Protein backbone atom coordinates (compact mmCIF):
# COMPACT_ATOMS: atom_id res chain seq x y z
CA UNK A 1 -5.68 -6.40 -13.04
CA UNK A 2 -4.71 -3.38 -15.20
CA UNK A 3 -2.35 -0.62 -14.09
CA UNK A 4 -5.30 1.75 -13.90
CA UNK A 5 -7.15 -0.64 -11.57
CA UNK A 6 -4.01 -1.06 -9.45
CA UNK A 7 -3.65 2.71 -9.18
CA UNK A 8 -7.30 3.14 -8.22
CA UNK A 9 -7.02 0.36 -5.63
CA UNK A 10 -3.80 1.81 -4.19
CA UNK A 11 -5.34 5.28 -3.96
CA UNK A 12 -8.35 3.88 -2.10
CA UNK A 13 -6.15 1.95 0.34
CA UNK A 14 -3.99 5.02 0.91
CA UNK A 15 -7.04 7.18 1.59
CA UNK A 16 -8.47 4.65 4.05
CA UNK A 17 -5.11 4.28 5.80
CA UNK A 18 -4.64 8.02 6.29
CA UNK A 19 -8.27 8.36 7.35
CA UNK A 20 -7.72 5.69 10.02
CA UNK A 21 -4.48 7.31 11.17
CA UNK A 22 -6.21 10.68 11.39
CA UNK A 23 -8.86 9.20 13.69
CA UNK A 24 -6.27 7.99 16.20
CA UNK A 25 -6.20 11.19 18.30
CA UNK A 26 -9.98 10.92 18.80
CA UNK A 27 -9.63 7.29 19.83
CA UNK A 28 -6.90 7.90 22.40
CA UNK A 29 -8.74 10.92 23.77
CA UNK A 30 -11.73 8.62 24.35
CA UNK A 31 -9.54 6.46 26.62
CA UNK A 32 -9.27 9.22 29.24
CA UNK A 33 -9.08 8.93 32.31
CA UNK A 34 -6.51 6.22 31.53
CA UNK A 35 -3.04 7.71 31.55
CA UNK A 36 -0.34 7.28 28.86
CA UNK A 37 1.43 4.41 30.67
CA UNK A 38 -1.76 2.46 31.25
CA UNK A 39 -2.78 2.93 27.62
CA UNK A 40 0.68 1.85 26.49
CA UNK A 41 0.52 -1.32 28.61
CA UNK A 42 -2.91 -2.25 27.26
CA UNK A 43 -1.83 -1.56 23.68
CA UNK A 44 1.14 -3.87 24.05
CA UNK A 45 -0.69 -6.80 25.65
CA UNK A 46 -3.86 -6.70 23.54
CA UNK A 47 -1.82 -6.21 20.35
CA UNK A 48 0.33 -9.21 21.26
CA UNK A 49 -2.75 -11.34 21.89
CA UNK A 50 -4.26 -10.39 18.53
CA UNK A 51 -0.98 -10.98 16.67
CA UNK A 52 -0.50 -14.41 18.26
CA UNK A 53 -4.03 -15.42 17.28
CA UNK A 54 -3.57 -14.25 13.68
CA UNK A 55 -0.18 -15.91 13.29
CA UNK A 56 -1.47 -19.06 15.00
CA UNK A 57 -4.37 -19.31 12.57
CA UNK A 58 -2.01 -18.87 9.61
CA UNK A 59 0.62 -21.15 11.21
CA UNK A 60 3.41 -18.57 11.08
CA UNK A 61 4.37 -18.50 14.76
CA UNK A 62 7.45 -20.57 14.08
CA UNK A 63 9.47 -17.47 13.19
CA UNK A 64 9.75 -16.69 16.92
CA UNK A 65 11.97 -19.74 17.47
CA UNK A 66 14.52 -18.61 14.91
CA UNK A 67 14.29 -15.03 16.17
CA UNK A 68 15.11 -15.93 19.76
CA UNK A 69 17.93 -18.13 18.53
CA UNK A 70 19.64 -15.16 16.86
CA UNK A 71 20.87 -12.89 19.68
CA UNK A 72 22.10 -10.13 17.36
CA UNK A 73 18.78 -9.93 15.57
CA UNK A 74 16.87 -10.17 18.85
CA UNK A 75 18.94 -7.29 20.23
CA UNK A 76 18.01 -5.10 17.26
CA UNK A 77 14.34 -6.02 17.66
CA UNK A 78 14.52 -5.22 21.40
CA UNK A 79 15.99 -1.77 20.76
CA UNK A 80 13.34 -1.14 18.10
CA UNK A 81 10.65 -2.24 20.57
CA UNK A 82 11.86 0.23 23.21
CA UNK A 83 11.99 3.05 20.65
CA UNK A 84 8.46 2.41 19.37
CA UNK A 85 7.18 2.18 22.97
CA UNK A 86 8.69 5.63 23.62
CA UNK A 87 7.04 6.90 20.45
CA UNK A 88 3.66 5.45 21.45
CA UNK A 89 3.69 6.84 24.98
CA UNK A 90 4.82 10.32 23.87
CA UNK A 91 2.09 10.38 21.23
CA UNK A 92 -0.61 9.33 23.69
CA UNK A 93 0.70 11.87 26.22
CA UNK A 94 0.44 14.57 23.55
CA UNK A 95 -3.14 13.63 22.68
CA UNK A 96 -4.38 13.30 26.27
CA UNK A 97 -2.82 16.63 27.30
CA UNK A 98 -4.09 18.69 24.38
CA UNK A 99 -0.95 18.81 22.21
CA UNK A 100 -2.28 17.16 19.04
CA UNK A 101 -0.83 19.90 16.81
CA UNK A 102 2.62 19.36 18.28
CA UNK A 103 2.24 15.61 17.74
CA UNK A 104 1.34 16.21 14.09
CA UNK A 105 4.42 18.40 13.71
CA UNK A 106 6.50 15.51 15.05
CA UNK A 107 5.48 13.28 12.15
CA UNK A 108 6.09 16.16 9.75
CA UNK A 109 9.65 16.40 11.13
CA UNK A 110 10.19 12.64 10.99
CA UNK A 111 11.13 12.34 7.28
CA UNK A 112 13.79 15.02 7.73
CA UNK A 113 15.32 13.20 10.69
CA UNK A 114 15.13 9.94 8.72
CA UNK A 115 17.00 11.53 5.81
CA UNK A 116 19.63 12.85 8.24
CA UNK A 117 20.18 9.35 9.63
CA UNK A 118 20.37 7.94 6.12
CA UNK A 119 23.09 10.41 5.15
CA UNK A 120 25.08 10.48 8.40
CA UNK A 121 24.72 6.87 9.60
CA UNK A 122 24.13 4.84 6.45
CA UNK A 123 26.27 6.95 4.13
CA UNK A 124 23.55 7.45 1.53
CA UNK A 125 23.92 10.22 -1.04
CA UNK A 126 21.35 12.84 -1.99
CA UNK A 127 20.99 14.45 -5.39
CA UNK A 128 20.85 18.24 -5.72
CA UNK A 129 17.07 18.35 -6.03
CA UNK A 130 16.72 16.09 -2.99
CA UNK A 131 18.84 18.50 -0.95
CA UNK A 132 16.56 21.29 -2.16
CA UNK A 133 13.50 19.35 -0.98
CA UNK A 134 15.14 18.77 2.41
CA UNK A 135 15.96 22.48 2.72
CA UNK A 136 12.34 23.43 1.97
CA UNK A 137 11.17 20.93 4.59
CA UNK A 138 13.58 22.32 7.18
CA UNK A 139 12.40 25.89 6.53
CA UNK A 140 8.77 24.79 6.86
CA UNK A 141 9.48 22.97 10.13
CA UNK A 142 11.34 25.96 11.58
CA UNK A 143 8.46 28.24 10.63
CA UNK A 144 5.88 25.93 12.24
CA UNK A 145 8.00 25.59 15.38
CA UNK A 146 8.38 29.36 15.73
CA UNK A 147 4.69 29.90 15.00
CA UNK A 148 3.82 27.36 17.70
CA UNK A 149 5.28 29.74 20.29
CA UNK A 150 7.36 27.36 22.41
CA UNK A 151 10.04 24.69 21.90
CA UNK A 152 8.29 21.70 20.28
CA UNK A 153 9.76 19.07 22.59
CA UNK A 154 6.98 16.58 21.90
CA UNK A 155 7.50 16.98 18.15
CA UNK A 156 11.24 16.45 18.47
CA UNK A 157 10.74 13.41 20.71
CA UNK A 158 8.31 11.80 18.27
CA UNK A 159 10.49 12.51 15.24
CA UNK A 160 13.70 11.22 16.85
CA UNK A 161 12.14 8.09 18.34
CA UNK A 162 10.39 7.05 15.13
CA UNK A 163 13.37 7.81 12.89
CA UNK A 164 15.64 5.80 15.19
CA UNK A 165 13.05 3.02 15.18
CA UNK A 166 13.11 2.99 11.39
CA UNK A 167 16.91 2.74 11.45
CA UNK A 168 16.76 -0.29 13.74
CA UNK A 169 14.12 -1.88 11.50
CA UNK A 170 16.54 -1.50 8.61
CA UNK A 171 19.18 -3.29 10.67
CA UNK A 172 16.75 -6.19 11.08
CA UNK A 173 16.10 -6.12 7.34
CA UNK A 174 13.08 -7.31 5.37
CA UNK A 175 13.02 -10.84 6.75
CA UNK A 176 9.99 -10.11 8.94
CA UNK A 177 6.58 -9.07 7.71
CA UNK A 178 4.82 -6.15 9.38
CA UNK A 179 2.72 -8.56 11.47
CA UNK A 180 5.74 -10.65 12.47
CA UNK A 181 7.74 -7.54 13.38
CA UNK A 182 4.88 -6.19 15.50
CA UNK A 183 4.56 -9.57 17.23
CA UNK A 184 8.27 -9.72 18.01
CA UNK A 185 8.29 -6.19 19.41
CA UNK A 186 5.26 -6.75 21.63
CA UNK A 187 6.72 -10.05 22.88
CA UNK A 188 9.78 -8.09 24.06
CA UNK A 189 7.62 -5.39 25.69
CA UNK A 190 4.99 -7.71 27.21
CA UNK A 191 6.76 -8.32 30.58
CA UNK A 192 7.05 -4.57 31.15
CA UNK A 193 3.40 -4.06 30.21
CA UNK A 194 2.22 -6.82 32.56
CA UNK A 195 4.25 -5.39 35.47
CA UNK A 196 2.88 -1.92 34.72
CA UNK A 197 -0.75 -3.10 34.85
CA UNK A 198 -0.16 -5.06 38.07
CA UNK A 199 1.44 -2.00 39.65
CA UNK A 200 -1.40 0.27 38.55
CA UNK A 201 -3.94 -2.16 39.97
CA UNK A 202 -2.06 -2.57 43.25
CA UNK A 203 -1.78 1.19 43.75
CA UNK A 204 -5.41 1.88 42.85
CA UNK A 205 -4.50 3.80 39.70
CA UNK A 206 -6.02 1.41 37.18
CA UNK A 207 -9.02 2.75 35.26
CA UNK A 208 -10.13 -0.66 33.95
CA UNK A 209 -13.22 -0.69 36.17
CA UNK A 210 -15.45 2.07 37.48
CA UNK A 211 -15.41 4.21 34.33
CA UNK A 212 -18.39 2.85 32.44
CA UNK A 213 -18.94 -0.38 30.56
CA UNK A 214 -17.32 0.90 27.35
CA UNK A 215 -14.01 1.94 28.90
CA UNK A 216 -12.49 -1.57 29.26
CA UNK A 217 -13.80 -2.45 25.79
CA UNK A 218 -12.04 0.57 24.29
CA UNK A 219 -8.84 -0.29 26.15
CA UNK A 220 -8.96 -3.84 24.81
CA UNK A 221 -9.68 -2.64 21.28
CA UNK A 222 -6.49 -0.56 21.42
CA UNK A 223 -4.76 -3.78 20.34
CA UNK A 224 -6.89 -3.99 17.20
CA UNK A 225 -6.34 -0.30 16.47
CA UNK A 226 -2.58 -0.66 16.93
CA UNK A 227 -2.37 -3.71 14.68
CA UNK A 228 -4.34 -1.94 11.95
CA UNK A 229 -2.17 1.15 12.29
CA UNK A 230 1.10 -0.75 12.18
CA UNK A 231 0.26 -3.24 9.47
CA UNK A 232 -1.15 -0.54 7.18
CA UNK A 233 1.89 1.73 7.56
CA UNK A 234 4.25 2.14 4.64
CA UNK A 235 7.71 0.70 5.25
CA UNK A 236 10.09 3.07 6.97
CA UNK A 237 12.97 4.06 4.71
CA UNK A 238 16.28 5.68 5.55
CA UNK A 239 16.29 7.59 2.27
CA UNK A 240 15.46 5.47 -0.74
CA UNK A 241 17.37 2.21 -0.50
CA UNK A 242 16.17 0.63 2.74
CA UNK A 243 14.75 -2.87 2.50
CA UNK A 244 11.06 -3.33 3.23
CA UNK A 245 10.15 -4.05 6.81
CA UNK A 246 6.92 -2.98 8.46
CA UNK A 247 7.06 -0.05 10.87
CA UNK A 248 4.42 1.43 13.10
CA UNK A 249 4.03 4.79 14.73
CA UNK A 250 1.67 6.49 17.20
């Protein structure tokens, strides 16, 4: 395949990925009256089920044995899992409460926070023109925050949680593919998700039934949507030297 064909193919994939990501607010809004915690629990469990099936078919589930045998690596994965769960629930909360613009600002802020972590935590160096680009981004973010009219707490929460998640993914390194990383994270989160759904059902707060035939289908498909979103994301980088390891937001 020629370079021109590769470029055309990459452009198409990029367009389709961003189109899919842009549709996410509409999808999560369609899950109302389910609340953010119920949606989070369903995303975790259905995503895990899908990942296990895919890895089982391709016979790549064996990586879990080595992962759980490495406590340091498992600890990093567990912290990353908690951070991405925070990111997911804040994003869904933003969408279901009418703060989509603030959520979008959060992912606009995220590269700046990531650069900050790269410089302060990882000791990476920026060239003069890179500092100029960062300064322009900061000015733009400050302007958007002021124009919004109130402190953008949702934006800050999304940016911080995803940037910290990216840092933990760098600690894990590029030994896991995007699908394997997503599987490991949902394995860690699955007990919490199961307890959450049991509690919601026991207290009569579950929306699984009684909200039309399509509602449980949409909740179940949140696993497919999450897997597509995560596995089509570009690798999170601290600045420019992070090793490749799949990351997923929203």
